[in-house]
Amino acid sequence: MRLSGARLLWARGCLAVLALGEGLPGAWALFLPRRFYGSFPLPGHPWAALFPPYNEHLMRDFGAAVLALAAVLAWAACDTRPRLVRAAVVGLLVFSVPHLVFHSAHFDVSADGEVPAQVLSLALPIVLALAVLATTAGATGTDRPAPLTPRTTTREERGPKMTSSVQEQRLQRRFELWDRDGNGQIDRGDWEKEAYRILASFDVTPAEPKGEALLDAYLGMWDFLAEQAKVGTDGSLTEEQFKELALNQVLARGRAGFDEVVEPTIRSILNLCDTDGNGQVSRTEFRSWINAVGADPSTADAAFDAIDANGDQQLSVDELVQAVHKYHAGELDVALL
């Protein structure tokens, strides 16, 4: 299970505090080593100077190493893949535990009033790191990248009707496009990120009417599946759950299922492409669609011809929804969504 909800917020908060706590003294020691030696943590209370002599090389190396550790912690706070989070906090523990042990044996060189502050500053990173590790208990995740574009089917897979195994393969590819962190789970955030990528390709912000419409439509698809799965909008779905829901709640219902669940998103992307405002997509506009969804641009013209059922050189919402339906029914090899 991936980090989500309160566990995600707690992990990110702790990692951010740890990154800041290591990054500030690290940068200080790297760029102002003499001042760090004589003034850390506060002027008149130089903890580093308790262990002379001053060595500029040692101070700068220490600063660079701690700053590098802070960078990894900050990365983990932003990414939150379980394996990355664990690696970051284990690295911190490898540094912090011996650091605490050493100073615990040398508190005699410190003023009595400063020992509690030293204990707190040395122990707090360890406590926070262990707390972050606890949030990852039971979470899984891999670093395998999800494919950037849908893989087209082989000749052997093509035919007038798709077998159930090939249908599942296509749903698997769709799942992998959402599951970009490769942790085997998708949630509302994954759908939101894809919507943002599509908007960015059109240079449209979520605050604009067309951007807001696409975001609402995309998240509407997620909300529908989450409701059917009874996981709540903040929950997550495994690949098997997603495939079962897509098969039973969308594909098995035929065109009616696509009209209810997929059509709003198709219409929203069409509105982004429709630069001339005629409510349809021209061949040139369709190329921007193909680029936005990450498909192979060289396939755009052939895909357009395959979708343009009435040959009017314009694609309507109906034709585009039908194309997505036919793709998952095995009658068309154009992955639009």
Protein backbone atom coordinates (compact mmCIF):
# COMPACT_ATOMS: atom_id res chain seq x y z
CA MET A 1 0.00 0.00 0.00
CA ARG A 2 1.34 3.44 -0.87
CA LEU A 3 1.55 6.30 1.60
CA SER A 4 -1.68 8.26 1.67
CA GLY A 5 -3.89 10.33 3.93
CA ALA A 6 -2.58 11.07 7.41
CA ARG A 7 0.45 8.81 6.98
CA LEU A 8 1.50 10.73 3.88
CA LEU A 9 1.12 14.11 5.61
CA TRP A 10 3.01 12.90 8.68
CA ALA A 11 5.87 11.44 6.63
CA ARG A 12 6.19 14.55 4.49
CA GLY A 13 6.11 16.83 7.53
CA CYS A 14 8.80 14.86 9.36
CA LEU A 15 10.98 14.60 6.26
CA ALA A 16 10.68 18.33 5.64
CA VAL A 17 11.73 19.09 9.23
CA LEU A 18 14.66 16.67 8.94
CA ALA A 19 15.76 18.14 5.61
CA LEU A 20 15.69 21.65 7.07
CA GLY A 21 17.41 20.54 10.27
CA GLU A 22 20.29 18.99 8.34
CA GLY A 23 20.37 21.45 5.46
CA LEU A 24 20.81 24.68 7.42
CA PRO A 25 23.86 23.62 9.46
CA GLY A 26 25.22 21.75 6.44
CA ALA A 27 25.13 24.85 4.25
CA TRP A 28 26.56 26.94 7.10
CA ALA A 29 29.51 24.58 7.60
CA LEU A 30 30.16 24.26 3.87
CA PHE A 31 30.14 27.95 2.98
CA LEU A 32 31.20 29.59 6.27
CA PRO A 33 33.27 26.92 8.02
CA ARG A 34 35.13 29.22 10.43
CA ARG A 35 31.94 30.95 11.54
CA PHE A 36 30.19 27.60 11.92
CA TYR A 37 33.03 26.29 14.08
CA GLY A 38 32.94 29.32 16.37
CA SER A 39 29.21 30.05 16.49
CA PHE A 40 27.13 26.88 15.99
CA PRO A 41 24.37 26.69 17.11
CA LEU A 42 24.36 30.24 18.56
CA PRO A 43 26.99 32.94 19.12
CA GLY A 44 28.52 32.38 22.53
CA HIS A 45 27.50 28.71 22.53
CA PRO A 46 29.97 27.05 20.12
CA TRP A 47 29.38 23.31 20.31
CA ALA A 48 31.80 22.42 17.50
CA ALA A 49 34.58 24.45 19.15
CA LEU A 50 34.37 22.16 22.17
CA PHE A 51 36.45 19.70 20.13
CA PRO A 52 39.49 21.62 18.79
CA PRO A 53 41.48 22.21 16.70
CA TYR A 54 39.64 23.93 13.85
CA ASN A 55 40.15 22.25 10.45
CA GLU A 56 38.68 24.02 7.42
CA HIS A 57 38.89 20.91 5.23
CA LEU A 58 37.06 18.82 7.80
CA MET A 59 34.39 21.49 8.34
CA ARG A 60 33.67 21.89 4.63
CA ASP A 61 33.54 18.13 4.06
CA PHE A 62 31.17 17.73 7.00
CA GLY A 63 28.97 20.51 5.65
CA ALA A 64 28.86 19.04 2.15
CA ALA A 65 28.01 15.56 3.45
CA VAL A 66 25.21 16.82 5.70
CA LEU A 67 23.85 19.06 2.94
CA ALA A 68 23.80 16.05 0.60
CA LEU A 69 21.84 14.11 3.21
CA ALA A 70 19.39 17.01 3.44
CA ALA A 71 18.92 16.92 -0.34
CA VAL A 72 17.98 13.23 -0.21
CA LEU A 73 15.55 13.86 2.65
CA ALA A 74 13.94 16.72 0.71
CA TRP A 75 13.67 14.50 -2.35
CA ALA A 76 11.95 11.82 -0.28
CA ALA A 77 9.56 14.43 1.14
CA CYS A 78 8.50 15.38 -2.38
CA ASP A 79 8.43 11.90 -3.92
CA THR A 80 7.29 9.72 -0.94
CA ARG A 81 7.86 6.39 -2.68
CA PRO A 82 8.19 3.98 0.27
CA ARG A 83 11.60 2.63 -0.77
CA LEU A 84 13.02 6.12 -1.24
CA VAL A 85 11.60 7.27 2.09
CA ARG A 86 13.10 4.29 3.89
CA ALA A 87 16.50 4.76 2.22
CA ALA A 88 16.58 8.44 3.18
CA VAL A 89 15.75 7.93 6.85
CA VAL A 90 18.04 4.91 7.20
CA GLY A 91 20.85 7.08 5.81
CA LEU A 92 20.00 9.71 8.41
CA LEU A 93 20.03 7.09 11.18
CA VAL A 94 23.46 5.85 10.06
CA PHE A 95 24.71 9.38 10.66
CA SER A 96 22.63 10.40 13.68
CA VAL A 97 22.96 7.36 15.94
CA PRO A 98 26.81 7.36 16.09
CA HIS A 99 26.65 11.15 16.39
CA LEU A 100 24.47 10.81 19.49
CA VAL A 101 26.64 8.05 20.95
CA PHE A 102 29.82 10.11 20.57
CA HIS A 103 28.44 13.25 22.18
CA SER A 104 26.78 11.26 24.96
CA ALA A 105 30.25 10.14 26.00
CA HIS A 106 31.57 13.71 26.00
CA PHE A 107 28.88 15.78 27.71
CA ASP A 108 31.47 16.53 30.39
CA VAL A 109 33.07 19.17 28.14
CA SER A 110 29.79 21.06 27.84
CA ALA A 111 28.26 23.51 30.27
CA ASP A 112 25.60 21.81 32.39
CA GLY A 113 22.88 24.10 31.09
CA GLU A 114 23.58 23.16 27.49
CA VAL A 115 23.45 19.39 27.87
CA PRO A 116 19.62 19.15 27.62
CA ALA A 117 19.65 21.22 24.43
CA GLN A 118 22.36 18.99 22.98
CA VAL A 119 20.45 15.83 23.88
CA LEU A 120 17.31 17.22 22.25
CA SER A 121 19.09 18.28 19.06
CA LEU A 122 20.85 14.92 18.78
CA ALA A 123 17.89 12.69 19.67
CA LEU A 124 15.11 14.50 17.79
CA PRO A 125 16.32 13.50 14.29
CA ILE A 126 16.44 9.86 15.40
CA VAL A 127 12.91 10.01 16.82
CA LEU A 128 11.55 11.66 13.67
CA ALA A 129 13.36 9.18 11.43
CA LEU A 130 11.88 6.24 13.34
CA ALA A 131 8.44 7.86 13.14
CA VAL A 132 8.79 8.13 9.36
CA LEU A 133 9.85 4.49 9.16
CA ALA A 134 6.72 3.58 11.09
CA THR A 135 4.52 5.32 8.52
CA THR A 136 5.95 3.10 5.78
CA ALA A 137 5.07 -0.14 7.58
CA GLY A 138 3.13 -2.29 5.14
CA ALA A 139 3.70 0.11 2.25
CA THR A 140 5.17 -1.22 -0.96
CA GLY A 141 6.66 0.45 -3.97
CA THR A 142 9.16 -0.13 -6.71
CA ASP A 143 11.26 2.14 -8.82
CA ARG A 144 10.20 0.61 -12.12
CA PRO A 145 9.13 3.39 -14.46
CA ALA A 146 5.71 3.22 -16.02
CA PRO A 147 5.76 3.34 -19.81
CA LEU A 148 5.51 6.88 -21.18
CA THR A 149 3.25 5.91 -24.06
CA PRO A 150 0.73 3.13 -24.55
CA ARG A 151 2.17 0.12 -26.34
CA THR A 152 0.28 -0.77 -29.49
CA THR A 153 -0.92 -4.32 -29.93
CA THR A 154 0.85 -6.89 -32.05
CA ARG A 155 -0.58 -8.31 -35.25
CA GLU A 156 -1.49 -11.49 -33.41
CA GLU A 157 -3.53 -9.49 -30.90
CA ARG A 158 -5.58 -7.70 -33.53
CA GLY A 159 -8.88 -8.99 -34.82
CA PRO A 160 -12.56 -8.18 -35.10
CA LYS A 161 -13.09 -8.99 -31.43
CA MET A 162 -10.63 -8.90 -28.60
CA THR A 163 -10.08 -11.85 -26.30
CA SER A 164 -10.51 -11.19 -22.60
CA SER A 165 -6.76 -11.64 -22.02
CA VAL A 166 -5.87 -8.92 -24.53
CA GLN A 167 -8.58 -6.70 -23.10
CA GLU A 168 -6.95 -7.06 -19.70
CA GLN A 169 -3.57 -6.26 -21.24
CA ARG A 170 -4.91 -2.97 -22.54
CA LEU A 171 -6.36 -2.12 -19.16
CA GLN A 172 -3.02 -3.03 -17.61
CA ARG A 173 -1.25 -0.55 -19.91
CA ARG A 174 -3.78 2.10 -18.95
CA PHE A 175 -3.17 1.34 -15.26
CA GLU A 176 0.59 1.65 -15.71
CA LEU A 177 0.22 5.08 -17.29
CA TRP A 178 -1.47 6.29 -14.11
CA ASP A 179 0.83 4.33 -11.80
CA ARG A 180 3.94 6.30 -12.75
CA ASP A 181 5.69 5.63 -9.45
CA GLY A 182 5.27 1.89 -10.03
CA ASN A 183 3.98 1.07 -6.56
CA GLY A 184 1.09 -1.07 -7.80
CA GLN A 185 -1.56 1.38 -6.56
CA ILE A 186 -3.39 4.29 -8.16
CA ASP A 187 -5.22 7.04 -6.34
CA ARG A 188 -6.83 10.38 -6.98
CA GLY A 189 -3.43 12.09 -7.04
CA ASP A 190 -2.25 9.92 -9.95
CA TRP A 191 -5.26 10.95 -12.04
CA GLU A 192 -4.79 14.56 -11.05
CA LYS A 193 -1.15 14.48 -12.17
CA GLU A 194 -2.08 13.12 -15.60
CA ALA A 195 -4.70 15.85 -15.99
CA TYR A 196 -2.05 18.44 -15.14
CA ARG A 197 0.33 16.93 -17.72
CA ILE A 198 -2.35 17.17 -20.40
CA LEU A 199 -3.11 20.77 -19.46
CA ALA A 200 0.58 21.65 -19.52
CA SER A 201 0.90 20.28 -23.06
CA PHE A 202 -1.79 22.78 -24.13
CA ASP A 203 -0.31 25.56 -21.98
CA VAL A 204 -3.58 25.81 -20.05
CA THR A 205 -3.79 26.24 -16.27
CA PRO A 206 -6.30 24.46 -14.00
CA ALA A 207 -7.72 27.88 -13.08
CA GLU A 208 -8.91 28.55 -16.64
CA PRO A 209 -12.41 27.35 -17.59
CA LYS A 210 -11.12 24.70 -20.01
CA GLY A 211 -8.53 23.57 -17.49
CA GLU A 212 -11.06 23.35 -14.69
CA ALA A 213 -13.41 21.36 -16.94
CA LEU A 214 -10.71 18.80 -17.78
CA LEU A 215 -9.65 18.44 -14.15
CA ASP A 216 -13.26 17.96 -13.03
CA ALA A 217 -13.89 15.38 -15.77
CA TYR A 218 -10.69 13.45 -15.03
CA LEU A 219 -11.34 13.36 -11.31
CA GLY A 220 -14.95 12.47 -12.05
CA MET A 221 -13.72 9.23 -13.63
CA TRP A 222 -11.71 8.50 -10.49
CA ASP A 223 -14.61 9.36 -8.19
CA PHE A 224 -16.86 6.97 -10.13
CA LEU A 225 -14.43 4.06 -9.76
CA ALA A 226 -13.68 4.87 -6.11
CA GLU A 227 -17.39 4.95 -5.33
CA GLN A 228 -17.96 1.61 -7.06
CA ALA A 229 -15.03 0.10 -5.14
CA LYS A 230 -16.21 1.69 -1.88
CA VAL A 231 -12.69 2.93 -1.09
CA GLY A 232 -13.58 6.60 -0.81
CA THR A 233 -12.12 9.34 -3.00
CA ASP A 234 -8.96 9.42 -0.86
CA GLY A 235 -8.43 5.66 -1.14
CA SER A 236 -6.46 3.69 -3.71
CA LEU A 237 -6.97 0.83 -6.16
CA THR A 238 -4.73 -2.07 -7.04
CA GLU A 239 -4.30 -3.15 -10.64
CA GLU A 240 -6.70 -6.07 -10.17
CA GLN A 241 -9.33 -3.84 -8.57
CA PHE A 242 -9.03 -1.32 -11.40
CA LYS A 243 -9.31 -3.95 -14.12
CA GLU A 244 -12.33 -5.57 -12.48
CA LEU A 245 -14.10 -2.23 -12.11
CA ALA A 246 -13.30 -1.11 -15.65
CA LEU A 247 -14.49 -4.41 -17.09
CA ASN A 248 -17.70 -4.66 -15.07
CA GLN A 249 -18.72 -1.04 -14.59
CA VAL A 250 -17.62 0.48 -17.91
CA LEU A 251 -16.72 -2.03 -20.65
CA ALA A 252 -19.49 -4.52 -19.91
CA ARG A 253 -22.07 -1.75 -20.19
CA GLY A 254 -20.97 -0.98 -23.74
CA ARG A 255 -21.45 2.48 -25.13
CA ALA A 256 -23.66 3.48 -22.18
CA GLY A 257 -20.77 2.93 -19.78
CA PHE A 258 -18.42 5.02 -21.91
CA ASP A 259 -20.99 7.79 -22.28
CA GLU A 260 -21.39 8.05 -18.51
CA VAL A 261 -17.79 7.67 -17.39
CA VAL A 262 -15.50 8.61 -20.30
CA GLU A 263 -17.46 11.07 -22.44
CA PRO A 264 -16.95 14.13 -20.15
CA THR A 265 -13.17 13.69 -20.35
CA ILE A 266 -13.25 13.21 -24.13
CA ARG A 267 -15.32 16.38 -24.47
CA SER A 268 -12.93 18.31 -22.21
CA ILE A 269 -9.85 17.30 -24.22
CA LEU A 270 -11.71 18.11 -27.44
CA ASN A 271 -12.36 21.61 -26.11
CA LEU A 272 -8.64 22.02 -25.44
CA CYS A 273 -7.79 20.93 -28.99
CA ASP A 274 -10.58 22.88 -30.66
CA THR A 275 -8.72 26.08 -31.45
CA ASP A 276 -11.26 27.27 -34.05
CA GLY A 277 -14.22 26.73 -31.72
CA ASN A 278 -16.35 24.64 -34.09
CA GLY A 279 -16.93 21.87 -31.55
CA GLN A 280 -14.92 19.32 -33.54
CA VAL A 281 -11.28 18.31 -33.97
CA SER A 282 -9.48 18.84 -37.26
CA ARG A 283 -6.53 16.78 -38.43
CA THR A 284 -4.10 19.46 -37.23
CA GLU A 285 -5.86 19.80 -33.88
CA PHE A 286 -5.87 16.02 -33.48
CA ARG A 287 -2.07 15.98 -33.64
CA SER A 288 -2.01 18.10 -30.48
CA TRP A 289 -4.31 15.53 -28.83
CA ILE A 290 -1.94 12.69 -29.70
CA ASN A 291 0.97 14.69 -28.30
CA ALA A 292 -0.95 15.52 -25.11
CA VAL A 293 -1.77 11.90 -24.24
CA GLY A 294 1.81 10.80 -24.93
CA ALA A 295 1.13 8.63 -27.98
CA ASP A 296 3.46 8.30 -30.97
CA PRO A 297 3.07 11.49 -33.09
CA SER A 298 3.85 9.55 -36.26
CA THR A 299 0.58 7.63 -35.82
CA ALA A 300 -1.62 10.74 -35.69
CA ASP A 301 -2.73 10.87 -39.33
CA ALA A 302 -3.46 7.15 -39.59
CA ALA A 303 -5.36 7.29 -36.30
CA PHE A 304 -7.37 10.28 -37.51
CA ASP A 305 -8.41 8.44 -40.67
CA ALA A 306 -9.41 5.37 -38.66
CA ILE A 307 -11.60 7.42 -36.31
CA ASP A 308 -13.18 9.69 -38.95
CA ALA A 309 -16.13 7.40 -39.63
CA ASN A 310 -18.03 9.77 -41.94
CA GLY A 311 -14.96 11.05 -43.77
CA ASP A 312 -15.70 14.74 -43.19
CA GLN A 313 -12.14 15.47 -41.97
CA GLN A 314 -13.50 16.44 -38.55
CA LEU A 315 -13.78 14.34 -35.40
CA SER A 316 -16.84 14.80 -33.21
CA VAL A 317 -17.25 13.91 -29.55
CA ASP A 318 -19.35 10.93 -30.63
CA GLU A 319 -16.63 9.64 -32.97
CA LEU A 320 -13.95 10.08 -30.31
CA VAL A 321 -15.95 8.32 -27.59
CA GLN A 322 -16.69 5.55 -30.08
CA ALA A 323 -12.95 5.30 -30.82
CA VAL A 324 -12.08 4.81 -27.15
CA HIS A 325 -14.85 2.21 -26.87
CA LYS A 326 -13.63 0.37 -29.97
CA TYR A 327 -10.05 0.40 -28.70
CA HIS A 328 -11.04 -1.43 -25.54
CA ALA A 329 -13.39 -3.67 -27.50
CA GLY A 330 -10.53 -4.70 -29.78
CA GLU A 331 -11.97 -3.17 -32.94
CA LEU A 332 -9.53 -0.25 -33.22
CA ASP A 333 -5.87 0.10 -32.34
CA VAL A 334 -5.78 3.80 -31.41
CA ALA A 335 -5.15 4.51 -27.71
CA LEU A 336 -6.63 7.96 -27.03
CA LEU A 337 -7.25 7.55 -23.32
